[in-house]
Amino acid sequence: MQALTGTWIDQNGTEITSVETNNLGLLSYSNGRGPFTALQVNLATPVFSVNFTDGSQPDAGEQTGIMNFAKDTITWSNETIWTKA
């Protein structure tokens, strides 16, 4: 889960902070959304699963993110891309 830990920026310029606690990632957006719980589902190549549903985006749903270490990015199943800050 350490691969997810840190600060990320999405393509809209929104900052997302991820901390690890009890082998789970906790994701919080700078705009107040979250925290959302991240589970690492593949240890060989970090693949994360997060349910981003909340009051501001009730249809956000479960998303899967794949880490690209070479580019310091996570590409999510909804085509959102986060870049390590």
C-alpha atoms as a PDB file:
ATOM      1  CA  MET A   1       0.000   0.000   0.000  1.00  0.00           C
ATOM      2  CA  GLN A   2       3.027   2.299   0.279  1.00  0.00           C
ATOM      3  CA  ALA A   3       2.901   2.845  -3.502  1.00  0.00           C
ATOM      4  CA  LEU A   4      -0.360   4.753  -3.021  1.00  0.00           C
ATOM      5  CA  THR A   5       0.841   6.800  -0.033  1.00  0.00           C
ATOM      6  CA  GLY A   6       1.501  10.483  -0.695  1.00  0.00           C
ATOM      7  CA  THR A   7      -0.048  13.338  -2.628  1.00  0.00           C
ATOM      8  CA  TRP A   8      -1.599  12.934  -6.072  1.00  0.00           C
ATOM      9  CA  ILE A   9      -3.045  15.418  -8.565  1.00  0.00           C
ATOM     10  CA  ASP A  10      -5.912  14.473 -10.905  1.00  0.00           C
ATOM     11  CA  GLN A  11      -6.356  15.901 -14.407  1.00  0.00           C
ATOM     12  CA  ASN A  12      -8.592  18.666 -13.002  1.00  0.00           C
ATOM     13  CA  GLY A  13      -5.814  19.852 -10.686  1.00  0.00           C
ATOM     14  CA  THR A  14      -7.500  18.505  -7.547  1.00  0.00           C
ATOM     15  CA  GLU A  15      -5.098  17.289  -4.869  1.00  0.00           C
ATOM     16  CA  ILE A  16      -5.686  13.875  -3.310  1.00  0.00           C
ATOM     17  CA  THR A  17      -3.818  12.812  -0.182  1.00  0.00           C
ATOM     18  CA  SER A  18      -3.354   9.143   0.653  1.00  0.00           C
ATOM     19  CA  VAL A  19      -2.175   7.796   3.985  1.00  0.00           C
ATOM     20  CA  GLU A  20      -1.785   4.183   5.034  1.00  0.00           C
ATOM     21  CA  THR A  21      -3.389   2.806   8.152  1.00  0.00           C
ATOM     22  CA  ASN A  22      -3.858  -0.874   9.038  1.00  0.00           C
ATOM     23  CA  ASN A  23      -2.850  -1.962   5.500  1.00  0.00           C
ATOM     24  CA  LEU A  24      -5.558   0.235   3.945  1.00  0.00           C
ATOM     25  CA  GLY A  25      -5.170   3.478   2.043  1.00  0.00           C
ATOM     26  CA  LEU A  26      -7.305   6.423   3.125  1.00  0.00           C
ATOM     27  CA  LEU A  27      -7.857   8.916   0.290  1.00  0.00           C
ATOM     28  CA  SER A  28      -8.997  12.487   0.925  1.00  0.00           C
ATOM     29  CA  TYR A  29      -9.577  15.185  -1.694  1.00  0.00           C
ATOM     30  CA  SER A  30      -8.526  18.800  -1.125  1.00  0.00           C
ATOM     31  CA  ASN A  31     -12.112  19.828  -1.986  1.00  0.00           C
ATOM     32  CA  GLY A  32     -13.430  17.974   1.082  1.00  0.00           C
ATOM     33  CA  ARG A  33     -14.479  14.650  -0.488  1.00  0.00           C
ATOM     34  CA  GLY A  34     -13.593  11.481   1.360  1.00  0.00           C
ATOM     35  CA  PRO A  35     -11.999   9.828   3.073  1.00  0.00           C
ATOM     36  CA  PHE A  36     -12.354   6.797   0.835  1.00  0.00           C
ATOM     37  CA  THR A  37     -10.829   3.412   1.637  1.00  0.00           C
ATOM     38  CA  ALA A  38      -8.433   1.854  -0.872  1.00  0.00           C
ATOM     39  CA  LEU A  39      -7.683  -1.851  -1.003  1.00  0.00           C
ATOM     40  CA  GLN A  40      -4.646  -3.216  -2.828  1.00  0.00           C
ATOM     41  CA  VAL A  41      -5.886  -6.133  -4.898  1.00  0.00           C
ATOM     42  CA  ASN A  42      -2.670  -7.131  -6.700  1.00  0.00           C
ATOM     43  CA  LEU A  43       0.680  -7.070  -4.942  1.00  0.00           C
ATOM     44  CA  ALA A  44       2.845  -7.767  -8.025  1.00  0.00           C
ATOM     45  CA  THR A  45       1.684  -4.655  -9.890  1.00  0.00           C
ATOM     46  CA  PRO A  46      -0.187  -2.363  -7.526  1.00  0.00           C
ATOM     47  CA  VAL A  47      -3.840  -2.449  -8.479  1.00  0.00           C
ATOM     48  CA  PHE A  48      -6.184  -0.612  -6.141  1.00  0.00           C
ATOM     49  CA  SER A  49      -9.933  -0.794  -5.629  1.00  0.00           C
ATOM     50  CA  VAL A  50     -11.815   2.206  -4.219  1.00  0.00           C
ATOM     51  CA  ASN A  51     -15.504   3.055  -3.899  1.00  0.00           C
ATOM     52  CA  PHE A  52     -15.661   6.814  -4.558  1.00  0.00           C
ATOM     53  CA  THR A  53     -19.419   7.130  -3.916  1.00  0.00           C
ATOM     54  CA  ASP A  54     -20.390   9.936  -1.534  1.00  0.00           C
ATOM     55  CA  GLY A  55     -23.020  12.651  -1.204  1.00  0.00           C
ATOM     56  CA  SER A  56     -21.428  14.895  -3.840  1.00  0.00           C
ATOM     57  CA  GLN A  57     -21.013  12.094  -6.413  1.00  0.00           C
ATOM     58  CA  PRO A  58     -23.536   9.347  -5.660  1.00  0.00           C
ATOM     59  CA  ASP A  59     -22.846   7.557  -8.969  1.00  0.00           C
ATOM     60  CA  ALA A  60     -19.030   7.515  -8.696  1.00  0.00           C
ATOM     61  CA  GLY A  61     -19.019   3.841  -7.700  1.00  0.00           C
ATOM     62  CA  GLU A  62     -16.248   1.309  -7.410  1.00  0.00           C
ATOM     63  CA  GLN A  63     -13.137   2.114  -9.463  1.00  0.00           C
ATOM     64  CA  THR A  64      -9.972   0.120 -10.098  1.00  0.00           C
ATOM     65  CA  GLY A  65      -6.661   1.964 -10.389  1.00  0.00           C
ATOM     66  CA  ILE A  66      -3.451   0.612 -11.921  1.00  0.00           C
ATOM     67  CA  MET A  67      -0.116   2.088 -10.852  1.00  0.00           C
ATOM     68  CA  ASN A  68       2.483   2.938 -13.489  1.00  0.00           C
ATOM     69  CA  PHE A  69       5.782   3.336 -11.615  1.00  0.00           C
ATOM     70  CA  ALA A  70       7.671   4.556 -14.704  1.00  0.00           C
ATOM     71  CA  LYS A  71       5.287   7.519 -15.116  1.00  0.00           C
ATOM     72  CA  ASP A  72       4.343   7.989 -11.422  1.00  0.00           C
ATOM     73  CA  THR A  73       0.669   7.741 -12.380  1.00  0.00           C
ATOM     74  CA  ILE A  74      -2.450   5.810 -11.480  1.00  0.00           C
ATOM     75  CA  THR A  75      -4.981   5.226 -14.243  1.00  0.00           C
ATOM     76  CA  TRP A  76      -8.485   4.522 -12.959  1.00  0.00           C
ATOM     77  CA  SER A  77     -11.205   2.463 -14.651  1.00  0.00           C
ATOM     78  CA  ASN A  78     -13.262   5.650 -15.204  1.00  0.00           C
ATOM     79  CA  GLU A  79     -10.306   7.022 -17.267  1.00  0.00           C
ATOM     80  CA  THR A  80      -9.213   9.454 -14.554  1.00  0.00           C
ATOM     81  CA  ILE A  81      -5.436   9.754 -14.256  1.00  0.00           C
ATOM     82  CA  TRP A  82      -3.632  10.788 -11.095  1.00  0.00           C
ATOM     83  CA  THR A  83      -0.011  11.975 -11.150  1.00  0.00           C
ATOM     84  CA  LYS A  84       2.266  11.827  -8.103  1.00  0.00           C
ATOM     85  CA  ALA A  85       2.898  15.358  -6.785  1.00  0.00           C
END
